[in-house]
C-alpha atoms as a PDB file:
ATOM      1  CA  MET A   1      -0.188   0.337   0.185  1.00  0.00           C
ATOM      2  CA  GLN A   2       1.486   3.453  -1.357  1.00  0.00           C
ATOM      3  CA  GLY A   3       2.310   5.693   1.686  1.00  0.00           C
ATOM      4  CA  SER A   4       1.858   2.532   4.606  1.00  0.00           C
ATOM      5  CA  GLY A   5       4.676   1.662   7.113  1.00  0.00           C
ATOM      6  CA  THR A   6       6.113  -1.932   7.373  1.00  0.00           C
ATOM      7  CA  LEU A   7       5.447  -4.198  10.356  1.00  0.00           C
ATOM      8  CA  TYR A   8       9.258  -5.282  11.733  1.00  0.00           C
ATOM      9  CA  VAL A   9       9.107  -8.916  13.175  1.00  0.00           C
ATOM     10  CA  VAL A  10      12.328  -8.727  15.093  1.00  0.00           C
ATOM     11  CA  ALA A  11      13.923 -11.973  17.140  1.00  0.00           C
ATOM     12  CA  THR A  12      15.597 -10.562  20.068  1.00  0.00           C
ATOM     13  CA  PRO A  13      17.706 -13.050  22.433  1.00  0.00           C
ATOM     14  CA  ILE A  14      16.517 -15.924  24.006  1.00  0.00           C
ATOM     15  CA  GLY A  15      19.073 -15.475  26.553  1.00  0.00           C
ATOM     16  CA  ASN A  16      22.346 -14.369  25.543  1.00  0.00           C
ATOM     17  CA  LEU A  17      22.292 -10.465  24.706  1.00  0.00           C
ATOM     18  CA  GLY A  18      25.137 -11.069  21.916  1.00  0.00           C
ATOM     19  CA  ASP A  19      22.829 -13.081  20.127  1.00  0.00           C
ATOM     20  CA  ILE A  20      21.289  -9.930  18.905  1.00  0.00           C
ATOM     21  CA  SER A  21      21.776  -9.213  15.308  1.00  0.00           C
ATOM     22  CA  PRO A  22      23.208  -5.580  14.109  1.00  0.00           C
ATOM     23  CA  ARG A  23      20.247  -5.089  12.111  1.00  0.00           C
ATOM     24  CA  ALA A  24      17.743  -6.073  14.368  1.00  0.00           C
ATOM     25  CA  LEU A  25      19.271  -2.927  16.915  1.00  0.00           C
ATOM     26  CA  ASP A  26      19.312  -0.700  13.530  1.00  0.00           C
ATOM     27  CA  THR A  27      15.131  -1.420  13.256  1.00  0.00           C
ATOM     28  CA  LEU A  28      14.289  -1.187  17.138  1.00  0.00           C
ATOM     29  CA  ARG A  29      15.740   2.098  16.756  1.00  0.00           C
ATOM     30  CA  ALA A  30      14.415   3.162  13.672  1.00  0.00           C
ATOM     31  CA  VAL A  31      10.843   2.343  13.920  1.00  0.00           C
ATOM     32  CA  THR A  32       8.255   4.945  15.718  1.00  0.00           C
ATOM     33  CA  THR A  33       7.085   1.889  18.104  1.00  0.00           C
ATOM     34  CA  ILE A  34       7.919  -1.163  19.522  1.00  0.00           C
ATOM     35  CA  CYS A  35       5.096  -3.415  19.936  1.00  0.00           C
ATOM     36  CA  ALA A  36       6.309  -5.478  22.938  1.00  0.00           C
ATOM     37  CA  GLU A  37       4.634  -8.600  24.458  1.00  0.00           C
ATOM     38  CA  ASP A  38       5.712  -7.244  28.055  1.00  0.00           C
ATOM     39  CA  THR A  39       7.186  -3.893  28.103  1.00  0.00           C
ATOM     40  CA  ARG A  40       9.048  -4.449  31.364  1.00  0.00           C
ATOM     41  CA  ARG A  41      11.179  -7.474  30.198  1.00  0.00           C
ATOM     42  CA  SER A  42      11.534  -5.872  26.640  1.00  0.00           C
ATOM     43  CA  GLY A  43      12.889  -2.407  28.718  1.00  0.00           C
ATOM     44  CA  GLN A  44      15.348  -4.009  30.044  1.00  0.00           C
ATOM     45  CA  LEU A  45      16.809  -5.233  26.771  1.00  0.00           C
ATOM     46  CA  LEU A  46      16.491  -1.577  25.250  1.00  0.00           C
ATOM     47  CA  ALA A  47      17.753  -0.104  27.917  1.00  0.00           C
ATOM     48  CA  HIS A  48      20.638  -2.527  27.843  1.00  0.00           C
ATOM     49  CA  PHE A  49      21.527  -0.971  24.278  1.00  0.00           C
ATOM     50  CA  GLY A  50      20.603   2.671  24.622  1.00  0.00           C
ATOM     51  CA  ILE A  51      17.593   2.231  22.701  1.00  0.00           C
ATOM     52  CA  ALA A  52      14.394   4.706  23.640  1.00  0.00           C
ATOM     53  CA  THR A  53      12.152   3.901  21.059  1.00  0.00           C
ATOM     54  CA  PRO A  54       8.063   4.389  22.600  1.00  0.00           C
ATOM     55  CA  MET A  55       6.379   0.459  23.039  1.00  0.00           C
ATOM     56  CA  VAL A  56       3.376  -0.250  23.430  1.00  0.00           C
ATOM     57  CA  ALA A  57       2.109  -3.414  24.983  1.00  0.00           C
ATOM     58  CA  LEU A  58       0.515  -6.098  22.945  1.00  0.00           C
ATOM     59  CA  HIS A  59      -0.041  -9.683  24.719  1.00  0.00           C
ATOM     60  CA  GLN A  60      -2.619 -12.350  24.568  1.00  0.00           C
ATOM     61  CA  HIS A  61      -5.125 -10.613  26.385  1.00  0.00           C
ATOM     62  CA  ASN A  62      -5.430  -7.312  24.114  1.00  0.00           C
ATOM     63  CA  GLU A  63      -4.397  -8.192  20.507  1.00  0.00           C
ATOM     64  CA  ASP A  64      -7.734  -8.511  19.381  1.00  0.00           C
ATOM     65  CA  ALA A  65      -8.553  -5.078  20.743  1.00  0.00           C
ATOM     66  CA  ILE A  66      -5.439  -3.342  19.350  1.00  0.00           C
ATOM     67  CA  ALA A  67      -4.574  -5.373  16.463  1.00  0.00           C
ATOM     68  CA  GLN A  68      -6.887  -2.747  14.092  1.00  0.00           C
ATOM     69  CA  LYS A  69      -5.567   0.763  15.993  1.00  0.00           C
ATOM     70  CA  LEU A  70      -2.031  -0.913  14.917  1.00  0.00           C
ATOM     71  CA  VAL A  71      -3.136  -1.430  11.336  1.00  0.00           C
ATOM     72  CA  ALA A  72      -4.130   2.132  11.378  1.00  0.00           C
ATOM     73  CA  ARG A  73      -0.731   3.864  12.388  1.00  0.00           C
ATOM     74  CA  LEU A  74       0.427   1.627   9.828  1.00  0.00           C
ATOM     75  CA  GLN A  75      -1.168   2.899   6.913  1.00  0.00           C
ATOM     76  CA  ALA A  76      -1.383   6.311   8.423  1.00  0.00           C
ATOM     77  CA  GLY A  77       2.753   6.034   7.624  1.00  0.00           C
ATOM     78  CA  GLU A  78       4.130   4.421  10.469  1.00  0.00           C
ATOM     79  CA  SER A  79       6.521   1.758  10.870  1.00  0.00           C
ATOM     80  CA  LEU A  80       6.148  -0.735  13.825  1.00  0.00           C
ATOM     81  CA  ALA A  81       8.598  -3.878  15.058  1.00  0.00           C
ATOM     82  CA  LEU A  82       6.889  -6.457  16.927  1.00  0.00           C
ATOM     83  CA  VAL A  83       8.961  -8.150  19.580  1.00  0.00           C
ATOM     84  CA  SER A  84       8.496 -11.105  22.203  1.00  0.00           C
ATOM     85  CA  ASP A  85       9.889 -11.656  25.238  1.00  0.00           C
ATOM     86  CA  ALA A  86      12.561 -13.432  24.243  1.00  0.00           C
ATOM     87  CA  GLY A  87      13.399 -15.248  20.578  1.00  0.00           C
ATOM     88  CA  THR A  88      11.305 -15.233  17.038  1.00  0.00           C
ATOM     89  CA  PRO A  89       7.639 -13.729  17.754  1.00  0.00           C
ATOM     90  CA  LEU A  90       4.845 -15.933  17.179  1.00  0.00           C
ATOM     91  CA  VAL A  91       6.272 -18.465  17.994  1.00  0.00           C
ATOM     92  CA  SER A  92       4.260 -19.854  20.834  1.00  0.00           C
ATOM     93  CA  ASP A  93       3.820 -15.814  21.445  1.00  0.00           C
ATOM     94  CA  PRO A  94       1.338 -13.241  20.628  1.00  0.00           C
ATOM     95  CA  GLY A  95       1.592 -11.402  17.004  1.00  0.00           C
ATOM     96  CA  PHE A  96      -0.168 -13.798  15.306  1.00  0.00           C
ATOM     97  CA  ARG A  97      -3.446 -11.343  15.197  1.00  0.00           C
ATOM     98  CA  VAL A  98      -1.612  -8.000  13.843  1.00  0.00           C
ATOM     99  CA  VAL A  99       0.192  -9.925  11.123  1.00  0.00           C
ATOM    100  CA  ALA A 100      -2.958 -11.315   9.398  1.00  0.00           C
ATOM    101  CA  ALA A 101      -4.189  -8.171   9.731  1.00  0.00           C
ATOM    102  CA  ALA A 102      -1.807  -6.010   8.299  1.00  0.00           C
ATOM    103  CA  ARG A 103      -1.152  -8.620   5.819  1.00  0.00           C
ATOM    104  CA  ALA A 104      -4.984  -8.602   5.164  1.00  0.00           C
ATOM    105  CA  ALA A 105      -4.762  -4.783   4.690  1.00  0.00           C
ATOM    106  CA  GLY A 106      -1.693  -4.555   1.714  1.00  0.00           C
ATOM    107  CA  ILE A 107       0.939  -3.831   4.840  1.00  0.00           C
ATOM    108  CA  ARG A 108       4.546  -5.075   4.356  1.00  0.00           C
ATOM    109  CA  VAL A 109       5.499  -6.946   6.577  1.00  0.00           C
ATOM    110  CA  SER A 110       9.220  -7.617   6.909  1.00  0.00           C
ATOM    111  CA  PRO A 111      11.098 -10.824   9.302  1.00  0.00           C
ATOM    112  CA  VAL A 112      14.009  -9.199  10.891  1.00  0.00           C
ATOM    113  CA  PRO A 113      15.375 -12.711  11.433  1.00  0.00           C
ATOM    114  CA  GLY A 114      17.271 -14.233  15.003  1.00  0.00           C
ATOM    115  CA  ALA A 115      17.348 -16.504  17.594  1.00  0.00           C
ATOM    116  CA  SER A 116      14.535 -18.881  18.376  1.00  0.00           C
ATOM    117  CA  ALA A 117      14.714 -21.478  21.100  1.00  0.00           C
ATOM    118  CA  LEU A 118      12.876 -24.086  19.045  1.00  0.00           C
ATOM    119  CA  ILE A 119      15.874 -24.361  15.760  1.00  0.00           C
ATOM    120  CA  ALA A 120      18.267 -24.004  18.721  1.00  0.00           C
ATOM    121  CA  ALA A 121      17.333 -26.900  20.385  1.00  0.00           C
ATOM    122  CA  LEU A 122      17.291 -28.809  16.977  1.00  0.00           C
ATOM    123  CA  SER A 123      20.579 -27.758  16.038  1.00  0.00           C
ATOM    124  CA  VAL A 124      22.428 -29.475  19.128  1.00  0.00           C
ATOM    125  CA  ALA A 125      20.145 -32.323  20.162  1.00  0.00           C
ATOM    126  CA  GLY A 126      21.277 -34.646  17.116  1.00  0.00           C
ATOM    127  CA  LEU A 127      17.944 -35.858  16.529  1.00  0.00           C
ATOM    128  CA  PRO A 128      16.735 -36.340  12.667  1.00  0.00           C
ATOM    129  CA  SER A 129      16.181 -32.662  11.897  1.00  0.00           C
ATOM    130  CA  ASP A 130      15.056 -33.510   8.189  1.00  0.00           C
ATOM    131  CA  ARG A 131      11.314 -33.418   9.042  1.00  0.00           C
ATOM    132  CA  PHE A 132       9.591 -32.546  12.612  1.00  0.00           C
ATOM    133  CA  ALA A 133       6.655 -31.371  14.043  1.00  0.00           C
ATOM    134  CA  PHE A 134       6.651 -28.214  16.910  1.00  0.00           C
ATOM    135  CA  GLU A 135       3.683 -28.643  19.313  1.00  0.00           C
ATOM    136  CA  GLY A 136       4.626 -25.251  21.338  1.00  0.00           C
ATOM    137  CA  PHE A 137       3.468 -25.904  24.791  1.00  0.00           C
ATOM    138  CA  LEU A 138       1.508 -28.819  25.991  1.00  0.00           C
ATOM    139  CA  PRO A 139      -2.284 -28.311  27.879  1.00  0.00           C
ATOM    140  CA  ALA A 140      -1.557 -27.636  31.394  1.00  0.00           C
ATOM    141  CA  LYS A 141      -3.903 -29.955  32.729  1.00  0.00           C
ATOM    142  CA  ALA A 142      -3.179 -33.585  32.762  1.00  0.00           C
ATOM    143  CA  GLY A 143      -6.142 -35.504  30.770  1.00  0.00           C
ATOM    144  CA  ALA A 144      -6.115 -33.258  27.970  1.00  0.00           C
ATOM    145  CA  ARG A 145      -1.896 -33.499  28.046  1.00  0.00           C
ATOM    146  CA  SER A 146      -2.102 -37.274  27.862  1.00  0.00           C
ATOM    147  CA  GLU A 147      -4.805 -37.243  25.140  1.00  0.00           C
ATOM    148  CA  ARG A 148      -2.397 -34.613  23.237  1.00  0.00           C
ATOM    149  CA  LEU A 149       0.529 -37.283  23.475  1.00  0.00           C
ATOM    150  CA  GLN A 150      -0.972 -40.258  22.591  1.00  0.00           C
ATOM    151  CA  GLY A 151      -2.079 -38.914  19.554  1.00  0.00           C
ATOM    152  CA  LEU A 152       1.008 -38.117  18.802  1.00  0.00           C
ATOM    153  CA  ALA A 153       2.794 -41.188  19.675  1.00  0.00           C
ATOM    154  CA  GLY A 154       2.670 -42.571  15.810  1.00  0.00           C
ATOM    155  CA  GLU A 155       3.892 -39.625  14.471  1.00  0.00           C
ATOM    156  CA  THR A 156       7.373 -40.827  12.602  1.00  0.00           C
ATOM    157  CA  ARG A 157       8.465 -37.017  12.555  1.00  0.00           C
ATOM    158  CA  THR A 158      11.027 -35.811  15.699  1.00  0.00           C
ATOM    159  CA  LEU A 159       8.363 -33.834  17.861  1.00  0.00           C
ATOM    160  CA  VAL A 160       9.727 -30.480  19.756  1.00  0.00           C
ATOM    161  CA  PHE A 161       7.828 -28.833  22.732  1.00  0.00           C
ATOM    162  CA  TYR A 162       8.071 -26.060  25.085  1.00  0.00           C
ATOM    163  CA  GLU A 163       7.654 -26.793  28.501  1.00  0.00           C
ATOM    164  CA  ALA A 164       7.453 -24.445  31.750  1.00  0.00           C
ATOM    165  CA  SER A 165       9.776 -25.685  34.917  1.00  0.00           C
ATOM    166  CA  HIS A 166       6.566 -26.098  36.938  1.00  0.00           C
ATOM    167  CA  ARG A 167       5.278 -29.024  34.707  1.00  0.00           C
ATOM    168  CA  ILE A 168       8.282 -30.345  33.577  1.00  0.00           C
ATOM    169  CA  ASP A 169       8.668 -33.663  35.206  1.00  0.00           C
ATOM    170  CA  GLU A 170       4.474 -33.973  35.035  1.00  0.00           C
ATOM    171  CA  THR A 171       5.289 -33.809  31.237  1.00  0.00           C
ATOM    172  CA  LEU A 172       8.059 -36.191  30.954  1.00  0.00           C
ATOM    173  CA  ALA A 173       6.084 -39.029  33.240  1.00  0.00           C
ATOM    174  CA  ASP A 174       3.065 -38.261  30.836  1.00  0.00           C
ATOM    175  CA  MET A 175       5.895 -38.813  27.968  1.00  0.00           C
ATOM    176  CA  VAL A 176       7.104 -42.091  29.037  1.00  0.00           C
ATOM    177  CA  ALA A 177       3.268 -43.167  29.253  1.00  0.00           C
ATOM    178  CA  SER A 178       2.198 -42.252  25.941  1.00  0.00           C
ATOM    179  CA  PHE A 179       5.142 -43.145  24.061  1.00  0.00           C
ATOM    180  CA  GLY A 180       7.088 -45.663  25.930  1.00  0.00           C
ATOM    181  CA  GLY A 181      10.389 -45.127  28.191  1.00  0.00           C
ATOM    182  CA  GLU A 182      12.755 -46.183  25.715  1.00  0.00           C
ATOM    183  CA  ARG A 183      11.990 -43.474  23.462  1.00  0.00           C
ATOM    184  CA  PRO A 184      15.159 -41.471  22.305  1.00  0.00           C
ATOM    185  CA  ALA A 185      14.714 -37.382  23.210  1.00  0.00           C
ATOM    186  CA  VAL A 186      16.472 -34.704  24.335  1.00  0.00           C
ATOM    187  CA  LEU A 187      15.637 -32.162  27.074  1.00  0.00           C
ATOM    188  CA  ALA A 188      17.575 -28.817  26.229  1.00  0.00           C
ATOM    189  CA  ARG A 189      17.313 -25.961  28.995  1.00  0.00           C
ATOM    190  CA  GLU A 190      18.695 -22.653  29.760  1.00  0.00           C
ATOM    191  CA  LEU A 191      19.576 -22.134  26.602  1.00  0.00           C
ATOM    192  CA  THR A 192      22.217 -19.712  25.795  1.00  0.00           C
ATOM    193  CA  LYS A 193      22.071 -18.760  29.210  1.00  0.00           C
ATOM    194  CA  LEU A 194      24.489 -19.553  32.119  1.00  0.00           C
ATOM    195  CA  PHE A 195      23.071 -22.812  33.043  1.00  0.00           C
ATOM    196  CA  GLU A 196      22.385 -23.935  29.658  1.00  0.00           C
ATOM    197  CA  THR A 197      22.046 -27.864  29.599  1.00  0.00           C
ATOM    198  CA  VAL A 198      21.158 -30.488  26.855  1.00  0.00           C
ATOM    199  CA  LEU A 199      20.557 -33.356  28.172  1.00  0.00           C
ATOM    200  CA  ASP A 200      19.945 -36.864  26.133  1.00  0.00           C
ATOM    201  CA  GLY A 201      18.793 -40.353  26.800  1.00  0.00           C
ATOM    202  CA  THR A 202      15.794 -42.329  26.518  1.00  0.00           C
ATOM    203  CA  LEU A 203      12.443 -41.018  28.110  1.00  0.00           C
ATOM    204  CA  ALA A 204      13.085 -42.834  30.835  1.00  0.00           C
ATOM    205  CA  GLU A 205      16.356 -41.491  31.848  1.00  0.00           C
ATOM    206  CA  LEU A 206      15.559 -38.028  31.004  1.00  0.00           C
ATOM    207  CA  LYS A 207      12.933 -38.686  33.613  1.00  0.00           C
ATOM    208  CA  ALA A 208      14.773 -40.048  36.521  1.00  0.00           C
ATOM    209  CA  GLN A 209      17.628 -37.261  36.068  1.00  0.00           C
ATOM    210  CA  VAL A 210      14.943 -34.557  36.588  1.00  0.00           C
ATOM    211  CA  GLU A 211      13.411 -36.172  39.796  1.00  0.00           C
ATOM    212  CA  ALA A 212      17.524 -36.898  40.892  1.00  0.00           C
ATOM    213  CA  ASP A 213      18.262 -33.348  40.892  1.00  0.00           C
ATOM    214  CA  PRO A 214      16.004 -30.027  41.658  1.00  0.00           C
ATOM    215  CA  ASP A 215      18.711 -27.986  39.112  1.00  0.00           C
ATOM    216  CA  GLN A 216      17.152 -29.663  36.374  1.00  0.00           C
ATOM    217  CA  ARG A 217      13.914 -28.845  37.099  1.00  0.00           C
ATOM    218  CA  LYS A 218      14.292 -24.913  37.097  1.00  0.00           C
ATOM    219  CA  GLY A 219      14.118 -22.585  33.763  1.00  0.00           C
ATOM    220  CA  GLU A 220      12.671 -22.878  30.217  1.00  0.00           C
ATOM    221  CA  PHE A 221      12.650 -25.872  28.754  1.00  0.00           C
ATOM    222  CA  VAL A 222      12.608 -27.240  25.252  1.00  0.00           C
ATOM    223  CA  VAL A 223      11.999 -31.210  24.711  1.00  0.00           C
ATOM    224  CA  LEU A 224      12.690 -33.399  21.815  1.00  0.00           C
ATOM    225  CA  VAL A 225      11.189 -36.440  20.978  1.00  0.00           C
ATOM    226  CA  LYS A 226      12.348 -38.657  18.362  1.00  0.00           C
ATOM    227  CA  GLY A 227       9.953 -40.298  16.230  1.00  0.00           C
ATOM    228  CA  ALA A 228       8.461 -43.433  16.069  1.00  0.00           C
ATOM    229  CA  ALA A 229      10.809 -46.027  14.309  1.00  0.00           C
ATOM    230  CA  ASP A 230       8.892 -46.061  10.880  1.00  0.00           C
ATOM    231  CA  ASP A 231       5.108 -46.669   9.166  1.00  0.00           C
ATOM    232  CA  ALA A 232       4.945 -50.134  10.479  1.00  0.00           C
ATOM    233  CA  ASP A 233       5.289 -49.190  14.250  1.00  0.00           C
ATOM    234  CA  ALA A 234       3.473 -45.964  13.847  1.00  0.00           C
ATOM    235  CA  LYS A 235       0.417 -47.725  12.458  1.00  0.00           C
ATOM    236  CA  ILE A 236       0.590 -50.254  15.518  1.00  0.00           C
ATOM    237  CA  ILE A 237       1.389 -47.488  17.637  1.00  0.00           C
ATOM    238  CA  GLU A 238      -1.970 -45.607  16.273  1.00  0.00           C
ATOM    239  CA  GLY A 239      -4.313 -48.760  16.262  1.00  0.00           C
ATOM    240  CA  ARG A 240      -3.377 -49.327  20.161  1.00  0.00           C
ATOM    241  CA  ARG A 241      -4.249 -46.114  20.855  1.00  0.00           C
ATOM    242  CA  LEU A 242      -7.472 -46.705  18.791  1.00  0.00           C
ATOM    243  CA  TYR A 243      -8.205 -49.721  20.728  1.00  0.00           C
ATOM    244  CA  ALA A 244      -7.466 -47.935  24.022  1.00  0.00           C
ATOM    245  CA  ARG A 245      -9.857 -45.396  23.116  1.00  0.00           C
ATOM    246  CA  LEU A 246     -12.664 -48.066  21.689  1.00  0.00           C
ATOM    247  CA  LYS A 247     -12.545 -50.251  24.152  1.00  0.00           C
ATOM    248  CA  ALA A 248     -14.043 -47.811  26.781  1.00  0.00           C
ATOM    249  CA  HIS A 249     -17.838 -48.363  24.434  1.00  0.00           C
ATOM    250  CA  LEU A 250     -17.253 -51.586  22.641  1.00  0.00           C
ATOM    251  CA  PRO A 251     -16.384 -54.796  23.391  1.00  0.00           C
ATOM    252  CA  PRO A 252     -12.814 -56.217  23.478  1.00  0.00           C
ATOM    253  CA  SER A 253     -12.984 -58.005  20.326  1.00  0.00           C
ATOM    254  CA  THR A 254     -14.811 -55.541  17.987  1.00  0.00           C
ATOM    255  CA  ALA A 255     -12.814 -52.669  19.596  1.00  0.00           C
ATOM    256  CA  ALA A 256      -9.562 -53.956  18.247  1.00  0.00           C
ATOM    257  CA  LYS A 257     -11.278 -54.932  15.018  1.00  0.00           C
ATOM    258  CA  LEU A 258     -12.831 -51.457  14.038  1.00  0.00           C
ATOM    259  CA  ALA A 259      -9.014 -49.999  15.369  1.00  0.00           C
ATOM    260  CA  ALA A 260      -6.871 -52.488  13.182  1.00  0.00           C
ATOM    261  CA  GLU A 261      -9.177 -51.234   9.994  1.00  0.00           C
ATOM    262  CA  LEU A 262      -8.946 -47.132  11.042  1.00  0.00           C
ATOM    263  CA  SER A 263      -4.980 -47.552  11.563  1.00  0.00           C
ATOM    264  CA  GLY A 264      -3.883 -49.900   9.552  1.00  0.00           C
ATOM    265  CA  ALA A 265      -2.374 -51.930  11.917  1.00  0.00           C
ATOM    266  CA  PRO A 266      -2.785 -55.640  11.738  1.00  0.00           C
ATOM    267  CA  ARG A 267      -5.015 -57.370  14.034  1.00  0.00           C
ATOM    268  CA  LYS A 268      -2.676 -59.622  15.340  1.00  0.00           C
ATOM    269  CA  ALA A 269      -0.442 -56.591  16.647  1.00  0.00           C
ATOM    270  CA  LEU A 270      -3.498 -55.567  18.856  1.00  0.00           C
ATOM    271  CA  TYR A 271      -4.167 -59.316  19.827  1.00  0.00           C
ATOM    272  CA  GLY A 272      -2.146 -59.626  22.800  1.00  0.00           C
ATOM    273  CA  VAL A 273      -3.901 -56.221  23.431  1.00  0.00           C
ATOM    274  CA  GLU A 274      -7.077 -57.174  23.179  1.00  0.00           C
ATOM    275  CA  GLN A 275      -6.128 -60.470  25.380  1.00  0.00           C
ATOM    276  CA  ALA A 276      -4.672 -58.632  28.440  1.00  0.00           C
ATOM    277  CA  GLU A 277      -7.713 -56.694  28.896  1.00  0.00           C
END
């Protein structure tokens, strides 16, 4: 749109301040206003680099209300920067509605790339990275979390999750229950910060390490889980997941037959599960 400004989506450090790019600093100095998830936290970053650009709060509770106001400012010729508390905006952070509204209005949206906990963790995990699925934060409630994980048990791509310190032990326990304790995984904690740790092993081993060391329950986490071994294994895992759901409503033999048909898994692979009931 002629005469309109640009919305810059600016990545900021996830820990080490040295990871911010010169272009990001130049952009944050040049724009009219910075839209920040938490103005107090972003204010500390700006003060460190001597940047005095005004800020406006943009978070999950007000994004719907102010998205069109920000678009109007862009249409009037102002350029704005969008930042999250840390890392690349919109990756499990606010900003989607503003970016979508700006694009719908024909306004230029330009990325200023940089740090991302997702990519940083994947780059050092030693798990297959040619294909992966980012799941962000799992549901906080135990039942919904288990259901989500069970639905992912047959996924063959590497799975990547974010998790908070107060739920990491529960999440690892649920992953063991849904994926099996022998599934290879990596736990990346406090990436680029002073107490950065990257642990690898089976899910059962990582669960035991976290339970034994209180320090491993502190900070911000990225959990990476290797995908199911192959398509055949994935079908069996999915078949067993379906059977576990169907058996609550159908006779075991009928549940096993239907689960096999829906998943493509051999019925014999579910027979042991059925007999164990």
